[in-house]
N, C-alpha and C. Protein backbone atom coordinates (compact mmCIF):
# COMPACT_ATOMS: atom_id res chain seq x y z
N MET A 1 57.97 65.51 118.42
CA MET A 1 58.19 66.93 118.22
C MET A 1 59.67 67.28 118.29
N ARG A 2 60.42 66.61 119.13
CA ARG A 2 61.81 66.97 119.32
C ARG A 2 62.67 66.59 118.11
N ARG A 3 62.39 65.55 117.47
CA ARG A 3 63.22 65.11 116.35
C ARG A 3 63.27 66.12 115.21
N PRO A 4 62.15 66.66 114.77
CA PRO A 4 62.25 67.64 113.68
C PRO A 4 63.10 68.86 114.08
N TRP A 5 63.01 69.30 115.31
CA TRP A 5 63.79 70.48 115.74
C TRP A 5 65.29 70.15 115.70
N LYS A 6 65.67 68.96 116.18
CA LYS A 6 67.08 68.57 116.13
C LYS A 6 67.55 68.44 114.69
N TYR A 7 66.69 67.92 113.86
CA TYR A 7 67.04 67.77 112.45
C TYR A 7 67.30 69.13 111.82
N ARG A 8 66.44 70.10 112.11
CA ARG A 8 66.62 71.46 111.57
C ARG A 8 67.88 72.11 112.12
N ARG A 9 68.16 71.90 113.38
CA ARG A 9 69.36 72.49 113.99
C ARG A 9 70.62 71.91 113.38
N SER A 10 70.64 70.67 113.03
CA SER A 10 71.82 70.07 112.42
C SER A 10 71.94 70.44 110.94
N LEU A 11 70.84 70.77 110.34
CA LEU A 11 70.84 71.18 108.94
C LEU A 11 71.31 72.62 108.76
N PHE A 12 71.05 73.45 109.75
CA PHE A 12 71.40 74.87 109.67
C PHE A 12 72.90 75.11 109.43
N PRO A 13 73.82 74.48 110.16
CA PRO A 13 75.24 74.71 109.89
C PRO A 13 75.66 74.28 108.48
N ALA A 14 75.09 73.21 107.99
CA ALA A 14 75.43 72.74 106.65
C ALA A 14 74.99 73.76 105.59
N VAL A 15 73.80 74.31 105.74
CA VAL A 15 73.30 75.32 104.81
C VAL A 15 74.16 76.58 104.90
N LEU A 16 74.51 76.96 106.11
CA LEU A 16 75.35 78.14 106.32
C LEU A 16 76.71 77.96 105.65
N VAL A 17 77.32 76.79 105.76
CA VAL A 17 78.61 76.52 105.12
C VAL A 17 78.49 76.62 103.60
N ILE A 18 77.42 76.11 103.05
CA ILE A 18 77.21 76.17 101.60
C ILE A 18 77.06 77.62 101.15
N ILE A 19 76.32 78.42 101.87
CA ILE A 19 76.12 79.83 101.51
C ILE A 19 77.44 80.59 101.57
N VAL A 20 78.20 80.37 102.63
CA VAL A 20 79.49 81.03 102.76
C VAL A 20 80.43 80.61 101.63
N ALA A 21 80.44 79.34 101.29
CA ALA A 21 81.29 78.84 100.21
C ALA A 21 80.93 79.51 98.88
N ILE A 22 79.67 79.69 98.62
CA ILE A 22 79.23 80.33 97.38
C ILE A 22 79.71 81.78 97.35
N TYR A 23 79.55 82.50 98.45
CA TYR A 23 80.01 83.89 98.50
C TYR A 23 81.52 83.99 98.32
N VAL A 24 82.27 83.10 98.96
CA VAL A 24 83.73 83.13 98.84
C VAL A 24 84.14 82.85 97.41
N LEU A 25 83.55 81.85 96.80
CA LEU A 25 83.94 81.49 95.43
C LEU A 25 83.58 82.59 94.42
N THR A 26 82.44 83.22 94.59
CA THR A 26 82.09 84.30 93.66
C THR A 26 82.90 85.54 93.94
N GLY A 27 83.28 85.77 95.18
CA GLY A 27 84.09 86.93 95.52
C GLY A 27 85.51 86.80 95.03
N CYS A 28 86.03 85.60 94.95
CA CYS A 28 87.40 85.36 94.52
C CYS A 28 87.52 85.16 93.02
N SER A 29 86.43 85.27 92.31
CA SER A 29 86.49 85.03 90.87
C SER A 29 87.26 86.11 90.15
N GLY A 30 87.40 87.32 90.72
CA GLY A 30 88.20 88.38 90.13
C GLY A 30 87.52 89.01 88.93
N THR A 31 88.28 89.86 88.26
CA THR A 31 87.77 90.52 87.07
C THR A 31 88.30 89.81 85.84
N ASP A 32 87.59 89.91 84.79
CA ASP A 32 88.05 89.27 83.57
C ASP A 32 88.87 90.25 82.73
N ASP A 33 89.54 89.73 81.71
CA ASP A 33 90.38 90.56 80.86
C ASP A 33 89.58 91.61 80.10
N LYS A 34 88.31 91.34 79.85
CA LYS A 34 87.49 92.29 79.12
C LYS A 34 87.31 93.58 79.90
N THR A 35 87.27 93.49 81.22
CA THR A 35 87.16 94.69 82.06
C THR A 35 88.42 95.54 81.90
N ALA A 36 89.58 94.92 81.91
CA ALA A 36 90.85 95.65 81.75
C ALA A 36 90.93 96.27 80.35
N ASP A 37 90.38 95.59 79.34
CA ASP A 37 90.40 96.14 77.98
C ASP A 37 89.57 97.41 77.88
N LYS A 38 88.53 97.50 78.68
CA LYS A 38 87.65 98.67 78.63
C LYS A 38 88.21 99.86 79.39
N LEU A 39 89.17 99.62 80.27
CA LEU A 39 89.77 100.71 81.03
C LEU A 39 90.63 101.59 80.13
N SER A 40 90.67 102.85 80.46
CA SER A 40 91.57 103.77 79.76
C SER A 40 92.60 104.27 80.75
N ALA A 41 93.68 104.81 80.23
CA ALA A 41 94.72 105.39 81.09
C ALA A 41 94.14 106.57 81.87
N ALA A 42 93.23 107.31 81.26
CA ALA A 42 92.62 108.45 81.94
C ALA A 42 91.78 108.00 83.13
N GLN A 43 91.08 106.88 83.00
CA GLN A 43 90.29 106.36 84.11
C GLN A 43 91.20 105.94 85.27
N ILE A 44 92.28 105.28 84.94
CA ILE A 44 93.24 104.88 85.97
C ILE A 44 93.86 106.12 86.60
N GLY A 45 94.19 107.10 85.77
CA GLY A 45 94.73 108.37 86.28
C GLY A 45 93.76 109.04 87.24
N GLY A 46 92.48 108.97 86.95
CA GLY A 46 91.47 109.53 87.83
C GLY A 46 91.45 108.84 89.18
N LYS A 47 91.62 107.53 89.18
CA LYS A 47 91.67 106.78 90.44
C LYS A 47 92.92 107.14 91.24
N ILE A 48 94.02 107.33 90.55
CA ILE A 48 95.26 107.73 91.22
C ILE A 48 95.10 109.13 91.80
N GLU A 49 94.46 110.01 91.04
CA GLU A 49 94.26 111.39 91.49
C GLU A 49 93.34 111.45 92.72
N GLN A 50 92.45 110.49 92.85
CA GLN A 50 91.61 110.42 94.04
C GLN A 50 92.43 110.01 95.26
N ALA A 51 93.49 109.22 95.03
CA ALA A 51 94.31 108.71 96.13
C ALA A 51 95.39 109.70 96.57
N VAL A 52 95.95 110.44 95.63
CA VAL A 52 97.03 111.39 95.94
C VAL A 52 96.78 112.70 95.20
N SER A 53 97.39 113.73 95.68
CA SER A 53 97.27 115.04 95.03
C SER A 53 98.34 115.19 93.96
N LEU A 54 97.92 115.60 92.79
CA LEU A 54 98.85 115.83 91.68
C LEU A 54 98.98 117.33 91.38
N LYS A 55 98.64 118.16 92.36
CA LYS A 55 98.61 119.60 92.13
C LYS A 55 99.99 120.19 91.87
N ASP A 56 101.05 119.54 92.35
CA ASP A 56 102.41 120.03 92.12
C ASP A 56 103.02 119.46 90.85
N MET A 57 102.17 118.83 90.04
CA MET A 57 102.66 118.23 88.80
C MET A 57 101.84 118.80 87.64
N LYS A 58 102.45 118.76 86.46
CA LYS A 58 101.74 119.23 85.27
C LYS A 58 101.56 118.08 84.29
N ALA A 59 100.45 118.13 83.59
CA ALA A 59 100.13 117.09 82.61
C ALA A 59 101.00 117.26 81.38
N GLY A 60 101.39 116.13 80.82
CA GLY A 60 102.20 116.14 79.61
C GLY A 60 101.41 115.65 78.42
N ASP A 61 101.92 115.94 77.24
CA ASP A 61 101.26 115.54 76.00
C ASP A 61 102.11 114.52 75.25
N GLN A 62 101.69 114.20 74.03
CA GLN A 62 102.39 113.21 73.21
C GLN A 62 103.84 113.61 72.95
N ILE A 63 104.07 114.90 72.76
CA ILE A 63 105.44 115.39 72.50
C ILE A 63 106.32 115.15 73.73
N LYS A 64 105.79 115.43 74.91
CA LYS A 64 106.54 115.22 76.15
C LYS A 64 106.80 113.73 76.38
N LEU A 65 105.82 112.89 76.07
CA LEU A 65 105.99 111.44 76.19
C LEU A 65 107.14 110.97 75.29
N GLN A 66 107.16 111.46 74.07
CA GLN A 66 108.20 111.09 73.12
C GLN A 66 109.56 111.62 73.58
N LYS A 67 109.59 112.85 74.08
CA LYS A 67 110.85 113.47 74.51
C LYS A 67 111.46 112.74 75.72
N LEU A 68 110.62 112.40 76.70
CA LEU A 68 111.13 111.78 77.92
C LEU A 68 111.48 110.30 77.75
N TYR A 69 110.64 109.57 77.04
CA TYR A 69 110.78 108.12 77.01
C TYR A 69 111.12 107.54 75.63
N LYS A 70 111.03 108.35 74.59
CA LYS A 70 111.34 107.91 73.23
C LYS A 70 110.51 106.68 72.82
N ILE A 71 109.23 106.75 73.17
CA ILE A 71 108.29 105.67 72.85
C ILE A 71 107.57 106.01 71.55
N ASP A 72 107.50 105.05 70.66
CA ASP A 72 106.83 105.24 69.38
C ASP A 72 105.33 105.42 69.61
N ALA A 73 104.79 106.50 69.10
CA ALA A 73 103.37 106.83 69.29
C ALA A 73 102.45 105.76 68.71
N ASP A 74 102.91 105.02 67.72
CA ASP A 74 102.09 103.98 67.11
C ASP A 74 101.81 102.81 68.07
N ASN A 75 102.65 102.67 69.09
CA ASN A 75 102.48 101.59 70.06
C ASN A 75 101.52 101.95 71.19
N VAL A 76 101.22 103.24 71.33
CA VAL A 76 100.46 103.73 72.46
C VAL A 76 98.99 103.90 72.08
N ASP A 77 98.12 103.27 72.86
CA ASP A 77 96.68 103.41 72.67
C ASP A 77 96.17 104.64 73.42
N ASP A 78 96.64 104.80 74.64
CA ASP A 78 96.21 105.89 75.52
C ASP A 78 97.27 106.07 76.59
N PHE A 79 97.38 107.25 77.17
CA PHE A 79 98.35 107.46 78.24
C PHE A 79 97.99 108.68 79.07
N ILE A 80 98.57 108.72 80.26
CA ILE A 80 98.59 109.94 81.07
C ILE A 80 100.04 110.15 81.47
N LEU A 81 100.42 111.39 81.58
CA LEU A 81 101.79 111.72 81.95
C LEU A 81 101.77 112.97 82.81
N TYR A 82 102.35 112.87 83.98
CA TYR A 82 102.50 114.02 84.85
C TYR A 82 103.97 114.13 85.24
N THR A 83 104.51 115.33 85.15
CA THR A 83 105.88 115.58 85.58
C THR A 83 105.89 116.75 86.55
N SER A 84 107.00 116.88 87.22
CA SER A 84 107.14 117.98 88.17
C SER A 84 107.12 119.31 87.43
N THR A 85 106.62 120.34 88.11
CA THR A 85 106.61 121.69 87.52
C THR A 85 107.99 122.32 87.55
N SER A 86 108.91 121.71 88.28
CA SER A 86 110.28 122.23 88.40
C SER A 86 111.27 121.16 87.93
N ASN A 87 112.33 121.59 87.27
CA ASN A 87 113.31 120.62 86.79
C ASN A 87 114.27 120.15 87.88
N VAL A 88 114.13 120.66 89.10
CA VAL A 88 114.95 120.20 90.21
C VAL A 88 114.22 119.15 91.06
N ARG A 89 113.06 118.73 90.59
CA ARG A 89 112.28 117.69 91.27
C ARG A 89 112.15 116.50 90.32
N ALA A 90 112.13 115.32 90.89
CA ALA A 90 112.12 114.09 90.09
C ALA A 90 110.73 113.49 89.90
N ASP A 91 109.71 114.09 90.48
CA ASP A 91 108.36 113.51 90.45
C ASP A 91 107.87 113.26 89.03
N GLU A 92 107.40 112.03 88.79
CA GLU A 92 106.80 111.66 87.51
C GLU A 92 105.73 110.60 87.77
N LEU A 93 104.72 110.65 86.94
CA LEU A 93 103.68 109.61 86.94
C LEU A 93 103.29 109.36 85.50
N THR A 94 103.37 108.11 85.10
CA THR A 94 103.01 107.74 83.74
C THR A 94 102.22 106.44 83.75
N VAL A 95 101.10 106.44 83.06
CA VAL A 95 100.34 105.21 82.81
C VAL A 95 100.14 105.15 81.31
N ILE A 96 100.62 104.08 80.71
CA ILE A 96 100.55 103.92 79.26
C ILE A 96 99.75 102.66 78.95
N LYS A 97 98.74 102.81 78.11
CA LYS A 97 98.00 101.65 77.61
C LYS A 97 98.52 101.36 76.20
N LEU A 98 99.05 100.16 76.03
CA LEU A 98 99.65 99.78 74.76
C LEU A 98 98.64 99.12 73.84
N LYS A 99 98.86 99.29 72.55
CA LYS A 99 98.02 98.62 71.56
C LYS A 99 98.38 97.14 71.46
N ASP A 100 99.67 96.85 71.62
CA ASP A 100 100.18 95.48 71.47
C ASP A 100 100.89 95.07 72.76
N LEU A 101 100.40 94.02 73.40
CA LEU A 101 101.01 93.54 74.64
C LEU A 101 102.48 93.13 74.45
N GLY A 102 102.83 92.75 73.26
CA GLY A 102 104.20 92.33 72.97
C GLY A 102 105.21 93.46 73.08
N LYS A 103 104.75 94.68 73.10
CA LYS A 103 105.65 95.83 73.18
C LYS A 103 105.92 96.26 74.63
N ALA A 104 105.31 95.59 75.60
CA ALA A 104 105.43 96.00 77.01
C ALA A 104 106.88 95.99 77.48
N GLU A 105 107.63 94.95 77.15
CA GLU A 105 109.03 94.88 77.61
C GLU A 105 109.88 95.97 76.96
N ASN A 106 109.61 96.28 75.72
CA ASN A 106 110.33 97.35 75.03
C ASN A 106 110.05 98.70 75.70
N VAL A 107 108.80 98.95 76.04
CA VAL A 107 108.43 100.19 76.70
C VAL A 107 109.04 100.25 78.10
N LYS A 108 109.02 99.14 78.82
CA LYS A 108 109.65 99.10 80.13
C LYS A 108 111.14 99.41 80.04
N ALA A 109 111.80 98.90 79.02
CA ALA A 109 113.23 99.16 78.83
C ALA A 109 113.49 100.64 78.60
N LYS A 110 112.61 101.29 77.86
CA LYS A 110 112.77 102.73 77.61
C LYS A 110 112.53 103.53 78.89
N LEU A 111 111.60 103.09 79.71
CA LEU A 111 111.36 103.74 80.99
C LEU A 111 112.56 103.53 81.93
N GLU A 112 113.17 102.37 81.86
CA GLU A 112 114.36 102.11 82.67
C GLU A 112 115.53 103.00 82.23
N GLN A 113 115.62 103.29 80.94
CA GLN A 113 116.64 104.24 80.45
C GLN A 113 116.39 105.61 81.07
N ARG A 114 115.15 106.03 81.14
CA ARG A 114 114.79 107.30 81.76
C ARG A 114 115.20 107.31 83.24
N ILE A 115 114.97 106.21 83.92
CA ILE A 115 115.34 106.10 85.33
C ILE A 115 116.85 106.28 85.49
N GLU A 116 117.62 105.63 84.64
CA GLU A 116 119.08 105.76 84.71
C GLU A 116 119.52 107.20 84.45
N GLU A 117 118.90 107.86 83.49
CA GLU A 117 119.22 109.27 83.22
C GLU A 117 118.92 110.14 84.44
N GLN A 118 117.80 109.88 85.07
CA GLN A 118 117.43 110.65 86.25
C GLN A 118 118.37 110.38 87.43
N LYS A 119 118.83 109.15 87.57
CA LYS A 119 119.78 108.83 88.62
C LYS A 119 121.08 109.63 88.43
N ILE A 120 121.56 109.67 87.21
CA ILE A 120 122.78 110.43 86.92
C ILE A 120 122.56 111.91 87.21
N LYS A 121 121.42 112.41 86.82
CA LYS A 121 121.11 113.84 87.00
C LYS A 121 121.06 114.24 88.47
N PHE A 122 120.45 113.40 89.30
CA PHE A 122 120.20 113.78 90.68
C PHE A 122 121.19 113.23 91.70
N LYS A 123 122.04 112.30 91.33
CA LYS A 123 122.88 111.60 92.30
C LYS A 123 123.66 112.55 93.21
N ASP A 124 124.44 113.45 92.65
CA ASP A 124 125.26 114.35 93.46
C ASP A 124 124.60 115.70 93.68
N TYR A 125 123.62 116.00 92.85
CA TYR A 125 123.00 117.32 92.87
C TYR A 125 121.88 117.42 93.89
N ARG A 126 120.97 116.45 93.90
CA ARG A 126 119.80 116.47 94.80
C ARG A 126 119.62 115.07 95.41
N PRO A 127 120.28 114.79 96.53
CA PRO A 127 120.20 113.44 97.11
C PRO A 127 118.79 112.99 97.47
N ASN A 128 117.92 113.90 97.91
CA ASN A 128 116.55 113.52 98.25
C ASN A 128 115.78 113.08 97.01
N GLU A 129 116.00 113.77 95.91
CA GLU A 129 115.33 113.39 94.65
C GLU A 129 115.92 112.10 94.11
N TYR A 130 117.22 111.92 94.27
CA TYR A 130 117.87 110.67 93.87
C TYR A 130 117.26 109.49 94.61
N PHE A 131 116.99 109.67 95.90
CA PHE A 131 116.35 108.63 96.71
C PHE A 131 115.00 108.25 96.11
N LEU A 132 114.22 109.24 95.69
CA LEU A 132 112.91 108.96 95.09
C LEU A 132 113.06 108.18 93.79
N VAL A 133 114.04 108.57 92.98
CA VAL A 133 114.27 107.86 91.71
C VAL A 133 114.69 106.42 91.99
N GLU A 134 115.54 106.24 92.99
CA GLU A 134 115.99 104.90 93.36
C GLU A 134 114.82 104.01 93.78
N HIS A 135 113.81 104.61 94.40
CA HIS A 135 112.67 103.86 94.92
C HIS A 135 111.42 104.04 94.06
N HIS A 136 111.62 104.11 92.77
CA HIS A 136 110.53 104.25 91.81
C HIS A 136 109.68 102.97 91.77
N VAL A 137 108.54 103.08 91.10
CA VAL A 137 107.69 101.91 90.84
C VAL A 137 107.53 101.81 89.33
N LEU A 138 107.86 100.65 88.80
CA LEU A 138 107.71 100.38 87.37
C LEU A 138 107.15 98.98 87.24
N LYS A 139 105.95 98.88 86.67
CA LYS A 139 105.31 97.57 86.54
C LYS A 139 104.36 97.56 85.36
N THR A 140 104.02 96.35 84.94
CA THR A 140 103.04 96.18 83.88
C THR A 140 101.88 95.35 84.43
N LYS A 141 100.72 95.62 83.87
CA LYS A 141 99.53 94.82 84.19
C LYS A 141 98.67 94.81 82.93
N GLY A 142 98.66 93.67 82.28
CA GLY A 142 97.93 93.57 81.02
C GLY A 142 98.56 94.50 79.99
N ALA A 143 97.74 95.33 79.39
CA ALA A 143 98.22 96.26 78.36
C ALA A 143 98.77 97.56 78.96
N PHE A 144 98.79 97.66 80.27
CA PHE A 144 99.19 98.90 80.93
C PHE A 144 100.60 98.82 81.50
N VAL A 145 101.33 99.94 81.35
CA VAL A 145 102.63 100.11 81.97
C VAL A 145 102.49 101.27 82.94
N PHE A 146 102.92 101.07 84.17
CA PHE A 146 102.80 102.07 85.23
C PHE A 146 104.19 102.46 85.70
N PHE A 147 104.44 103.77 85.81
CA PHE A 147 105.73 104.28 86.27
C PHE A 147 105.47 105.46 87.20
N ALA A 148 106.07 105.42 88.39
CA ALA A 148 105.89 106.51 89.34
C ALA A 148 107.17 106.78 90.10
N VAL A 149 107.51 108.06 90.20
CA VAL A 149 108.60 108.54 91.06
C VAL A 149 107.96 109.62 91.91
N SER A 150 107.84 109.34 93.20
CA SER A 150 107.18 110.28 94.10
C SER A 150 107.32 109.79 95.54
N LYS A 151 107.13 110.70 96.47
CA LYS A 151 107.05 110.31 97.88
C LYS A 151 105.82 109.43 98.09
N GLU A 152 104.82 109.60 97.25
CA GLU A 152 103.57 108.86 97.36
C GLU A 152 103.45 107.75 96.31
N ALA A 153 104.59 107.25 95.83
CA ALA A 153 104.57 106.23 94.77
C ALA A 153 103.85 104.96 95.21
N ASP A 154 103.97 104.60 96.49
CA ASP A 154 103.28 103.40 96.95
C ASP A 154 101.77 103.57 96.94
N GLN A 155 101.28 104.76 97.26
CA GLN A 155 99.84 105.02 97.20
C GLN A 155 99.36 105.04 95.75
N MET A 156 100.18 105.61 94.87
CA MET A 156 99.85 105.61 93.44
C MET A 156 99.77 104.18 92.93
N GLU A 157 100.71 103.36 93.35
CA GLU A 157 100.72 101.95 92.92
C GLU A 157 99.48 101.22 93.40
N ARG A 158 99.08 101.45 94.66
CA ARG A 158 97.88 100.82 95.18
C ARG A 158 96.65 101.24 94.39
N ALA A 159 96.56 102.53 94.05
CA ALA A 159 95.42 103.02 93.27
C ALA A 159 95.43 102.39 91.88
N PHE A 160 96.61 102.24 91.29
CA PHE A 160 96.74 101.60 89.99
C PHE A 160 96.25 100.16 90.07
N ASP A 161 96.71 99.42 91.08
CA ASP A 161 96.30 98.02 91.24
C ASP A 161 94.81 97.89 91.51
N ASP A 162 94.26 98.81 92.30
CA ASP A 162 92.84 98.78 92.64
C ASP A 162 91.94 99.10 91.45
N ALA A 163 92.49 99.71 90.43
CA ALA A 163 91.69 100.08 89.26
C ALA A 163 91.23 98.86 88.47
N PHE A 164 91.91 97.74 88.67
CA PHE A 164 91.59 96.53 87.90
C PHE A 164 90.62 95.66 88.62
């Protein structure tokens, strides 16, 4: 009688290790590129809006996107754009989904030009806003380009990353 019980007791840890290994491997598999392809900038914007309040910002349109960043509309699949309601504030949030991944570096360069313009604008005039521009977030993930200037830029970035 004792042998079968010992056998079962020694088998239990091995089965438990196998089960844990399966859960870890399936949990670390991540999302596939098809999931990112199905995401829209508006969906990502919704996740960011859940993380931070955008009530002090106003939504921008295609004309505003072109005016601020000089990005060719033919390259953009979808986007969200929020800017400050006042021209003495530097707050901006932009998520752009590109049609062609090859254009990501070009779009990033145009966003960096905007950053430099904002630095010049705020450097001596509004030091607190200049600090925000200096500590902006600009990154790409797949077909998406993310740009944020805000006190809550790190929370916006986390929400952006969590969307994938």
